[in-house]
All heavy atoms as atom14 arrays in JSON, in Angstrom:
{
  "sequence": "KNGAKVIFVPGNHDEFAREFVDMTFGHVDVKMNDIHETADGKR",
  "atom14_mask": [
    [1, 1, 1, 1, 1, 1, 1, 1, 1, 0, 0, 0, 0, 0],
    [1, 1, 1, 1, 1, 1, 1, 1, 0, 0, 0, 0, 0, 0],
    [1, 1, 1, 1, 0, 0, 0, 0, 0, 0, 0, 0, 0, 0],
    [1, 1, 1, 1, 1, 0, 0, 0, 0, 0, 0, 0, 0, 0],
    [1, 1, 1, 1, 1, 1, 1, 1, 1, 0, 0, 0, 0, 0],
    [1, 1, 1, 1, 1, 1, 1, 0, 0, 0, 0, 0, 0, 0],
    [1, 1, 1, 1, 1, 1, 1, 1, 0, 0, 0, 0, 0, 0],
    [1, 1, 1, 1, 1, 1, 1, 1, 1, 1, 1, 0, 0, 0],
    [1, 1, 1, 1, 1, 1, 1, 0, 0, 0, 0, 0, 0, 0],
    [1, 1, 1, 1, 1, 1, 1, 0, 0, 0, 0, 0, 0, 0],
    [1, 1, 1, 1, 0, 0, 0, 0, 0, 0, 0, 0, 0, 0],
    [1, 1, 1, 1, 1, 1, 1, 1, 0, 0, 0, 0, 0, 0],
    [1, 1, 1, 1, 1, 1, 1, 1, 1, 1, 0, 0, 0, 0],
    [1, 1, 1, 1, 1, 1, 1, 1, 0, 0, 0, 0, 0, 0],
    [1, 1, 1, 1, 1, 1, 1, 1, 1, 0, 0, 0, 0, 0],
    [1, 1, 1, 1, 1, 1, 1, 1, 1, 1, 1, 0, 0, 0],
    [1, 1, 1, 1, 1, 0, 0, 0, 0, 0, 0, 0, 0, 0],
    [1, 1, 1, 1, 1, 1, 1, 1, 1, 1, 1, 0, 0, 0],
    [1, 1, 1, 1, 1, 1, 1, 1, 1, 0, 0, 0, 0, 0],
    [1, 1, 1, 1, 1, 1, 1, 1, 1, 1, 1, 0, 0, 0],
    [1, 1, 1, 1, 1, 1, 1, 0, 0, 0, 0, 0, 0, 0],
    [1, 1, 1, 1, 1, 1, 1, 1, 0, 0, 0, 0, 0, 0],
    [1, 1, 1, 1, 1, 1, 1, 1, 0, 0, 0, 0, 0, 0],
    [1, 1, 1, 1, 1, 1, 1, 0, 0, 0, 0, 0, 0, 0],
    [1, 1, 1, 1, 1, 1, 1, 1, 1, 1, 1, 0, 0, 0],
    [1, 1, 1, 1, 0, 0, 0, 0, 0, 0, 0, 0, 0, 0],
    [1, 1, 1, 1, 1, 1, 1, 1, 1, 1, 0, 0, 0, 0],
    [1, 1, 1, 1, 1, 1, 1, 0, 0, 0, 0, 0, 0, 0],
    [1, 1, 1, 1, 1, 1, 1, 1, 0, 0, 0, 0, 0, 0],
    [1, 1, 1, 1, 1, 1, 1, 0, 0, 0, 0, 0, 0, 0],
    [1, 1, 1, 1, 1, 1, 1, 1, 1, 0, 0, 0, 0, 0],
    [1, 1, 1, 1, 1, 1, 1, 1, 0, 0, 0, 0, 0, 0],
    [1, 1, 1, 1, 1, 1, 1, 1, 0, 0, 0, 0, 0, 0],
    [1, 1, 1, 1, 1, 1, 1, 1, 0, 0, 0, 0, 0, 0],
    [1, 1, 1, 1, 1, 1, 1, 1, 0, 0, 0, 0, 0, 0],
    [1, 1, 1, 1, 1, 1, 1, 1, 1, 1, 0, 0, 0, 0],
    [1, 1, 1, 1, 1, 1, 1, 1, 1, 0, 0, 0, 0, 0],
    [1, 1, 1, 1, 1, 1, 1, 0, 0, 0, 0, 0, 0, 0],
    [1, 1, 1, 1, 1, 0, 0, 0, 0, 0, 0, 0, 0, 0],
    [1, 1, 1, 1, 1, 1, 1, 1, 0, 0, 0, 0, 0, 0],
    [1, 1, 1, 1, 0, 0, 0, 0, 0, 0, 0, 0, 0, 0],
    [1, 1, 1, 1, 1, 1, 1, 1, 1, 0, 0, 0, 0, 0],
    [1, 1, 1, 1, 1, 1, 1, 1, 1, 1, 1, 0, 0, 0]
  ],
  "atom14_positions": [
    [[-12.87, 62.09, -60.32], [-11.75, 63.02, -60.45], [-12.04, 64.33, -59.74], [-11.13, 64.96, -59.17], [-11.47, 63.28, -61.94], [-10.3, 64.22, -62.21], [-10.12, 64.42, -63.7], [-8.98, 65.41, -63.97], [-8.81, 65.63, -65.44], [0.0, 0.0, 0.0], [0.0, 0.0, 0.0], [0.0, 0.0, 0.0], [0.0, 0.0, 0.0], [0.0, 0.0, 0.0]],
    [[-13.31, 64.74, -59.74], [-13.69, 66.02, -59.15], [-14.02, 65.93, -57.66], [-14.56, 66.88, -57.1], [-14.87, 66.62, -59.92], [-14.48, 67.04, -61.33], [-13.34, 67.4, -61.59], [-15.43, 67.0, -62.26], [0.0, 0.0, 0.0], [0.0, 0.0, 0.0], [0.0, 0.0, 0.0], [0.0, 0.0, 0.0], [0.0, 0.0, 0.0], [0.0, 0.0, 0.0]],
    [[-13.74, 64.8, -57.04], [-13.85, 64.73, -55.59], [-14.91, 63.8, -55.03], [-14.93, 63.55, -53.82], [0.0, 0.0, 0.0], [0.0, 0.0, 0.0], [0.0, 0.0, 0.0], [0.0, 0.0, 0.0], [0.0, 0.0, 0.0], [0.0, 0.0, 0.0], [0.0, 0.0, 0.0], [0.0, 0.0, 0.0], [0.0, 0.0, 0.0], [0.0, 0.0, 0.0]],
    [[-15.81, 63.28, -55.87], [-16.8, 62.33, -55.37], [-16.11, 60.99, -55.09], [-15.17, 60.61, -55.8], [-17.93, 62.14, -56.37], [0.0, 0.0, 0.0], [0.0, 0.0, 0.0], [0.0, 0.0, 0.0], [0.0, 0.0, 0.0], [0.0, 0.0, 0.0], [0.0, 0.0, 0.0], [0.0, 0.0, 0.0], [0.0, 0.0, 0.0], [0.0, 0.0, 0.0]],
    [[-16.55, 60.3, -54.06], [-16.02, 58.97, -53.77], [-16.79, 57.97, -54.62], [-18.02, 57.93, -54.59], [-16.2, 58.66, -52.28], [-15.54, 57.35, -51.85], [-15.65, 57.17, -50.35], [-14.94, 55.91, -49.89], [-15.04, 55.72, -48.41], [0.0, 0.0, 0.0], [0.0, 0.0, 0.0], [0.0, 0.0, 0.0], [0.0, 0.0, 0.0], [0.0, 0.0, 0.0]],
    [[-16.07, 57.15, -55.39], [-16.7, 56.15, -56.26], [-16.16, 54.78, -55.89], [-14.94, 54.56, -55.91], [-16.46, 56.45, -57.75], [-17.12, 55.37, -58.61], [-17.0, 57.83, -58.12], [0.0, 0.0, 0.0], [0.0, 0.0, 0.0], [0.0, 0.0, 0.0], [0.0, 0.0, 0.0], [0.0, 0.0, 0.0], [0.0, 0.0, 0.0], [0.0, 0.0, 0.0]],
    [[-17.05, 53.86, -55.55], [-16.68, 52.5, -55.16], [-17.36, 51.52, -56.11], [-18.58, 51.53, -56.27], [-17.11, 52.21, -53.71], [-16.41, 53.18, -52.76], [-16.78, 50.76, -53.34], [-16.96, 53.15, -51.35], [0.0, 0.0, 0.0], [0.0, 0.0, 0.0], [0.0, 0.0, 0.0], [0.0, 0.0, 0.0], [0.0, 0.0, 0.0], [0.0, 0.0, 0.0]],
    [[-16.55, 50.68, -56.74], [-17.05, 49.71, -57.71], [-16.99, 48.31, -57.1], [-15.92, 47.83, -56.71], [-16.19, 49.79, -58.97], [-16.47, 48.75, -60.02], [-17.76, 48.24, -60.22], [-15.46, 48.27, -60.84], [-18.03, 47.29, -61.19], [-15.7, 47.32, -61.81], [-16.99, 46.83, -61.99], [0.0, 0.0, 0.0], [0.0, 0.0, 0.0], [0.0, 0.0, 0.0]],
    [[-18.15, 47.68, -56.97], [-18.26, 46.3, -56.48], [-18.63, 45.43, -57.68], [-19.79, 45.41, -58.1], [-19.34, 46.19, -55.38], [-19.49, 44.75, -54.91], [-19.01, 47.11, -54.21], [0.0, 0.0, 0.0], [0.0, 0.0, 0.0], [0.0, 0.0, 0.0], [0.0, 0.0, 0.0], [0.0, 0.0, 0.0], [0.0, 0.0, 0.0], [0.0, 0.0, 0.0]],
    [[-17.68, 44.73, -58.29], [-17.97, 43.97, -59.53], [-19.02, 42.89, -59.32], [-19.13, 42.29, -58.24], [-16.6, 43.35, -59.89], [-15.59, 44.18, -59.17], [-16.26, 44.6, -57.9], [0.0, 0.0, 0.0], [0.0, 0.0, 0.0], [0.0, 0.0, 0.0], [0.0, 0.0, 0.0], [0.0, 0.0, 0.0], [0.0, 0.0, 0.0], [0.0, 0.0, 0.0]],
    [[-19.78, 42.63, -60.39], [-20.78, 41.57, -60.38], [-20.33, 40.4, -61.22], [-19.16, 40.3, -61.61], [0.0, 0.0, 0.0], [0.0, 0.0, 0.0], [0.0, 0.0, 0.0], [0.0, 0.0, 0.0], [0.0, 0.0, 0.0], [0.0, 0.0, 0.0], [0.0, 0.0, 0.0], [0.0, 0.0, 0.0], [0.0, 0.0, 0.0], [0.0, 0.0, 0.0]],
    [[-21.26, 39.5, -61.54], [-20.89, 38.32, -62.33], [-20.67, 38.66, -63.8], [-19.84, 38.04, -64.47], [-21.93, 37.21, -62.18], [-23.35, 37.69, -62.45], [-23.83, 38.62, -61.81], [-24.03, 37.04, -63.38], [0.0, 0.0, 0.0], [0.0, 0.0, 0.0], [0.0, 0.0, 0.0], [0.0, 0.0, 0.0], [0.0, 0.0, 0.0], [0.0, 0.0, 0.0]],
    [[-21.35, 39.67, -64.32], [-21.17, 40.04, -65.73], [-19.88, 40.84, -65.95], [-19.37, 40.86, -67.07], [-22.38, 40.82, -66.25], [-23.55, 39.95, -66.56], [-23.89, 39.55, -67.83], [-24.47, 39.37, -65.74], [-24.97, 38.78, -67.79], [-25.34, 38.66, -66.53], [0.0, 0.0, 0.0], [0.0, 0.0, 0.0], [0.0, 0.0, 0.0], [0.0, 0.0, 0.0]],
    [[-19.4, 41.52, -64.92], [-18.1, 42.2, -65.04], [-17.11, 41.6, -64.03], [-16.32, 42.31, -63.41], [-18.21, 43.72, -64.86], [-19.1, 44.15, -63.7], [-19.29, 43.35, -62.76], [-19.6, 45.28, -63.74], [0.0, 0.0, 0.0], [0.0, 0.0, 0.0], [0.0, 0.0, 0.0], [0.0, 0.0, 0.0], [0.0, 0.0, 0.0], [0.0, 0.0, 0.0]],
    [[-17.15, 40.27, -63.93], [-16.3, 39.57, -62.97], [-14.82, 39.7, -63.29], [-13.97, 39.46, -62.43], [-16.7, 38.09, -62.89], [-16.56, 37.35, -64.21], [-17.19, 35.96, -64.17], [-17.54, 35.51, -63.07], [-17.33, 35.36, -65.25], [0.0, 0.0, 0.0], [0.0, 0.0, 0.0], [0.0, 0.0, 0.0], [0.0, 0.0, 0.0], [0.0, 0.0, 0.0]],
    [[-14.49, 40.12, -64.54], [-13.09, 40.35, -64.89], [-12.45, 41.37, -63.95], [-11.24, 41.33, -63.7], [-12.98, 40.84, -66.34], [-13.75, 42.1, -66.64], [-13.2, 43.34, -66.39], [-15.03, 42.05, -67.16], [-13.91, 44.51, -66.66], [-15.76, 43.19, -67.42], [-15.19, 44.44, -67.17], [0.0, 0.0, 0.0], [0.0, 0.0, 0.0], [0.0, 0.0, 0.0]],
    [[-13.26, 42.29, -63.41], [-12.74, 43.34, -62.53], [-12.42, 42.82, -61.13], [-11.76, 43.51, -60.35], [-13.74, 44.49, -62.45], [0.0, 0.0, 0.0], [0.0, 0.0, 0.0], [0.0, 0.0, 0.0], [0.0, 0.0, 0.0], [0.0, 0.0, 0.0], [0.0, 0.0, 0.0], [0.0, 0.0, 0.0], [0.0, 0.0, 0.0], [0.0, 0.0, 0.0]],
    [[-12.88, 41.6, -60.81], [-12.59, 41.04, -59.49], [-11.11, 40.72, -59.31], [-10.64, 40.55, -58.19], [-13.47, 39.8, -59.26], [-14.93, 40.16, -59.05], [-15.85, 38.97, -58.91], [-17.2, 39.42, -58.57], [-18.28, 38.64, -58.55], [-18.16, 37.35, -58.87], [-19.45, 39.13, -58.22], [0.0, 0.0, 0.0], [0.0, 0.0, 0.0], [0.0, 0.0, 0.0]],
    [[-10.37, 40.67, -60.41], [-8.92, 40.49, -60.32], [-8.24, 41.73, -59.73], [-7.08, 41.67, -59.31], [-8.34, 40.21, -61.7], [-8.82, 38.91, -62.34], [-8.18, 38.68, -63.7], [-7.09, 39.27, -63.94], [-8.76, 37.93, -64.51], [0.0, 0.0, 0.0], [0.0, 0.0, 0.0], [0.0, 0.0, 0.0], [0.0, 0.0, 0.0], [0.0, 0.0, 0.0]],
    [[-8.97, 42.86, -59.71], [-8.38, 44.12, -59.27], [-8.97, 44.61, -57.95], [-8.88, 45.79, -57.61], [-8.57, 45.18, -60.36], [-8.1, 44.74, -61.71], [-9.01, 44.41, -62.71], [-6.74, 44.6, -61.98], [-8.59, 43.98, -63.96], [-6.3, 44.17, -63.23], [-7.22, 43.86, -64.21], [0.0, 0.0, 0.0], [0.0, 0.0, 0.0], [0.0, 0.0, 0.0]],
    [[-9.61, 43.69, -57.2], [-10.18, 44.05, -55.9], [-9.09, 44.61, -54.99], [-7.96, 44.14, -54.98], [-10.87, 42.82, -55.27], [-11.1, 43.01, -53.78], [-12.2, 42.54, -55.97], [0.0, 0.0, 0.0], [0.0, 0.0, 0.0], [0.0, 0.0, 0.0], [0.0, 0.0, 0.0], [0.0, 0.0, 0.0], [0.0, 0.0, 0.0], [0.0, 0.0, 0.0]],
    [[-9.47, 45.64, -54.24], [-8.59, 46.35, -53.31], [-7.57, 47.24, -54.01], [-6.6, 47.7, -53.39], [-7.87, 45.39, -52.35], [-8.85, 44.63, -51.46], [-9.9, 45.22, -51.11], [-8.57, 43.47, -51.12], [0.0, 0.0, 0.0], [0.0, 0.0, 0.0], [0.0, 0.0, 0.0], [0.0, 0.0, 0.0], [0.0, 0.0, 0.0], [0.0, 0.0, 0.0]],
    [[-7.81, 47.5, -55.3], [-6.98, 48.45, -56.04], [-7.81, 49.69, -56.36], [-9.03, 49.69, -56.22], [-6.44, 47.82, -57.33], [-5.53, 46.64, -57.12], [-4.88, 46.03, -58.7], [-3.95, 44.6, -58.16], [0.0, 0.0, 0.0], [0.0, 0.0, 0.0], [0.0, 0.0, 0.0], [0.0, 0.0, 0.0], [0.0, 0.0, 0.0], [0.0, 0.0, 0.0]],
    [[-7.12, 50.75, -56.8], [-7.79, 51.99, -57.19], [-7.36, 52.35, -58.6], [-6.16, 52.36, -58.92], [-7.43, 53.14, -56.22], [-7.86, 52.79, -54.9], [-8.12, 54.43, -56.64], [0.0, 0.0, 0.0], [0.0, 0.0, 0.0], [0.0, 0.0, 0.0], [0.0, 0.0, 0.0], [0.0, 0.0, 0.0], [0.0, 0.0, 0.0], [0.0, 0.0, 0.0]],
    [[-8.34, 52.62, -59.48], [-8.07, 53.01, -60.85], [-8.82, 54.29, -61.17], [-10.05, 54.34, -61.05], [-8.5, 51.9, -61.82], [-7.71, 50.63, -61.68], [-8.17, 49.61, -60.85], [-6.52, 50.45, -62.36], [-7.45, 48.43, -60.71], [-5.79, 49.28, -62.23], [-6.26, 48.26, -61.41], [0.0, 0.0, 0.0], [0.0, 0.0, 0.0], [0.0, 0.0, 0.0]],
    [[-8.08, 55.33, -61.56], [-8.72, 56.59, -61.9], [-9.61, 57.13, -60.8], [-10.71, 57.59, -61.06], [0.0, 0.0, 0.0], [0.0, 0.0, 0.0], [0.0, 0.0, 0.0], [0.0, 0.0, 0.0], [0.0, 0.0, 0.0], [0.0, 0.0, 0.0], [0.0, 0.0, 0.0], [0.0, 0.0, 0.0], [0.0, 0.0, 0.0], [0.0, 0.0, 0.0]],
    [[-9.13, 57.03, -59.56], [-9.86, 57.5, -58.37], [-11.07, 56.63, -58.03], [-11.87, 57.0, -57.18], [-10.31, 58.97, -58.54], [-9.21, 59.91, -58.9], [-8.29, 60.37, -57.99], [-8.87, 60.46, -60.1], [-7.44, 61.18, -58.6], [-7.77, 61.26, -59.87], [0.0, 0.0, 0.0], [0.0, 0.0, 0.0], [0.0, 0.0, 0.0], [0.0, 0.0, 0.0]],
    [[-11.22, 55.48, -58.68], [-12.33, 54.56, -58.39], [-11.77, 53.37, -57.6], [-10.85, 52.7, -58.04], [-12.99, 54.06, -59.68], [-14.06, 53.01, -59.37], [-13.6, 55.22, -60.45], [0.0, 0.0, 0.0], [0.0, 0.0, 0.0], [0.0, 0.0, 0.0], [0.0, 0.0, 0.0], [0.0, 0.0, 0.0], [0.0, 0.0, 0.0], [0.0, 0.0, 0.0]],
    [[-12.34, 53.12, -56.41], [-11.92, 52.01, -55.58], [-12.69, 50.74, -55.98], [-13.92, 50.77, -56.1], [-12.2, 52.3, -54.1], [-11.39, 53.48, -53.58], [-10.25, 53.67, -54.05], [-11.9, 54.23, -52.72], [0.0, 0.0, 0.0], [0.0, 0.0, 0.0], [0.0, 0.0, 0.0], [0.0, 0.0, 0.0], [0.0, 0.0, 0.0], [0.0, 0.0, 0.0]],
    [[-11.98, 49.64, -56.17], [-12.6, 48.36, -56.51], [-12.63, 47.49, -55.26], [-11.59, 47.23, -54.66], [-11.83, 47.64, -57.64], [-12.55, 46.36, -58.04], [-11.67, 48.56, -58.85], [0.0, 0.0, 0.0], [0.0, 0.0, 0.0], [0.0, 0.0, 0.0], [0.0, 0.0, 0.0], [0.0, 0.0, 0.0], [0.0, 0.0, 0.0], [0.0, 0.0, 0.0]],
    [[-13.82, 47.05, -54.86], [-13.97, 46.24, -53.66], [-14.91, 45.08, -53.93], [-15.87, 45.21, -54.69], [-14.53, 47.08, -52.5], [-13.62, 48.23, -52.08], [-14.15, 48.93, -50.85], [-13.24, 50.06, -50.41], [-13.71, 50.7, -49.16], [0.0, 0.0, 0.0], [0.0, 0.0, 0.0], [0.0, 0.0, 0.0], [0.0, 0.0, 0.0], [0.0, 0.0, 0.0]],
    [[-14.66, 43.95, -53.29], [-15.54, 42.8, -53.44], [-16.88, 43.05, -52.76], [-17.94, 42.62, -53.23], [-14.88, 41.54, -52.86], [-15.55, 40.25, -53.27], [-15.41, 39.97, -55.04], [-16.57, 38.62, -55.26], [0.0, 0.0, 0.0], [0.0, 0.0, 0.0], [0.0, 0.0, 0.0], [0.0, 0.0, 0.0], [0.0, 0.0, 0.0], [0.0, 0.0, 0.0]],
    [[-16.82, 43.75, -51.65], [-18.02, 44.21, -50.94], [-17.58, 45.36, -50.03], [-16.39, 45.65, -49.94], [-18.68, 43.08, -50.14], [-17.72, 42.4, -49.19], [-17.24, 43.0, -48.23], [-17.43, 41.13, -49.46], [0.0, 0.0, 0.0], [0.0, 0.0, 0.0], [0.0, 0.0, 0.0], [0.0, 0.0, 0.0], [0.0, 0.0, 0.0], [0.0, 0.0, 0.0]],
    [[-18.53, 45.99, -49.4], [-18.18, 47.13, -48.54], [-19.23, 47.27, -47.45], [-20.36, 46.77, -47.58], [-18.1, 48.41, -49.37], [-17.36, 49.54, -48.64], [-16.4, 49.22, -47.9], [-17.75, 50.7, -48.79], [0.0, 0.0, 0.0], [0.0, 0.0, 0.0], [0.0, 0.0, 0.0], [0.0, 0.0, 0.0], [0.0, 0.0, 0.0], [0.0, 0.0, 0.0]],
    [[-18.84, 47.94, -46.37], [-19.79, 48.31, -45.32], [-19.96, 49.82, -45.36], [-18.99, 50.56, -45.19], [-19.3, 47.88, -43.92], [-19.08, 46.37, -43.86], [-20.32, 48.32, -42.86], [-20.33, 45.53, -43.98], [0.0, 0.0, 0.0], [0.0, 0.0, 0.0], [0.0, 0.0, 0.0], [0.0, 0.0, 0.0], [0.0, 0.0, 0.0], [0.0, 0.0, 0.0]],
    [[-21.16, 50.26, -45.63], [-21.47, 51.69, -45.69], [-22.22, 52.09, -44.43], [-23.18, 51.42, -44.03], [-22.32, 52.0, -46.92], [-22.82, 53.41, -46.95], [-22.02, 54.47, -47.34], [-24.04, 53.95, -46.62], [-22.72, 55.59, -47.26], [-23.92, 55.31, -46.82], [0.0, 0.0, 0.0], [0.0, 0.0, 0.0], [0.0, 0.0, 0.0], [0.0, 0.0, 0.0]],
    [[-21.8, 53.17, -43.82], [-22.5, 53.7, -42.65], [-23.29, 54.94, -43.04], [-22.73, 55.9, -43.57], [-21.53, 54.04, -41.52], [-22.25, 54.44, -40.24], [-21.34, 54.52, -39.02], [-20.3, 53.84, -39.02], [-21.69, 55.26, -38.08], [0.0, 0.0, 0.0], [0.0, 0.0, 0.0], [0.0, 0.0, 0.0], [0.0, 0.0, 0.0], [0.0, 0.0, 0.0]],
    [[-24.6, 54.9, -42.83], [-25.46, 56.02, -43.2], [-25.29, 57.17, -42.2], [-24.69, 57.01, -41.14], [-26.94, 55.58, -43.22], [-27.32, 55.18, -41.9], [-27.15, 54.43, -44.18], [0.0, 0.0, 0.0], [0.0, 0.0, 0.0], [0.0, 0.0, 0.0], [0.0, 0.0, 0.0], [0.0, 0.0, 0.0], [0.0, 0.0, 0.0], [0.0, 0.0, 0.0]],
    [[-25.85, 58.31, -42.55], [-25.74, 59.49, -41.71], [-26.36, 59.28, -40.33], [-25.94, 59.9, -39.36], [-26.38, 60.69, -42.41], [0.0, 0.0, 0.0], [0.0, 0.0, 0.0], [0.0, 0.0, 0.0], [0.0, 0.0, 0.0], [0.0, 0.0, 0.0], [0.0, 0.0, 0.0], [0.0, 0.0, 0.0], [0.0, 0.0, 0.0], [0.0, 0.0, 0.0]],
    [[-27.37, 58.41, -40.26], [-28.01, 58.15, -38.96], [-27.46, 56.89, -38.28], [-28.08, 56.35, -37.35], [-29.53, 58.07, -39.1], [-29.98, 57.0, -40.09], [-29.11, 56.35, -40.7], [-31.2, 56.8, -40.24], [0.0, 0.0, 0.0], [0.0, 0.0, 0.0], [0.0, 0.0, 0.0], [0.0, 0.0, 0.0], [0.0, 0.0, 0.0], [0.0, 0.0, 0.0]],
    [[-26.29, 56.41, -38.74], [-25.58, 55.36, -38.02], [-25.9, 53.93, -38.4], [-25.37, 52.99, -37.78], [0.0, 0.0, 0.0], [0.0, 0.0, 0.0], [0.0, 0.0, 0.0], [0.0, 0.0, 0.0], [0.0, 0.0, 0.0], [0.0, 0.0, 0.0], [0.0, 0.0, 0.0], [0.0, 0.0, 0.0], [0.0, 0.0, 0.0], [0.0, 0.0, 0.0]],
    [[-26.71, 53.69, -39.43], [-26.98, 52.32, -39.86], [-25.8, 51.79, -40.67], [-25.25, 52.49, -41.5], [-28.25, 52.25, -40.7], [-29.54, 52.54, -39.95], [-30.73, 52.31, -40.85], [-32.04, 52.57, -40.13], [-32.21, 54.01, -39.8], [0.0, 0.0, 0.0], [0.0, 0.0, 0.0], [0.0, 0.0, 0.0], [0.0, 0.0, 0.0], [0.0, 0.0, 0.0]],
    [[-25.46, 50.52, -40.44], [-24.39, 49.87, -41.17], [-25.0, 48.95, -42.23], [-25.79, 48.06, -41.91], [-23.47, 49.09, -40.23], [-22.76, 49.99, -39.23], [-21.96, 49.21, -38.21], [-20.8, 48.55, -38.82], [-20.63, 47.24, -38.9], [-21.55, 46.41, -38.41], [-19.54, 46.73, -39.44], [0.0, 0.0, 0.0], [0.0, 0.0, 0.0], [0.0, 0.0, 0.0]]
  ]
}
C-alpha cells in the first residue's frame, strides 16, 4: 500500500491462489512465475 512492489508466486501449499494468477489484490500482483532483472542486467 505504501509503494513497495509485491509479487506473489503461489506454491503447492497455497495453490488455491493459482486461480487468481495475473490478478492484483490489495496492490499485490499474483503471478505463476516472473522474470526479474537485477540492477546489473541479469535476468
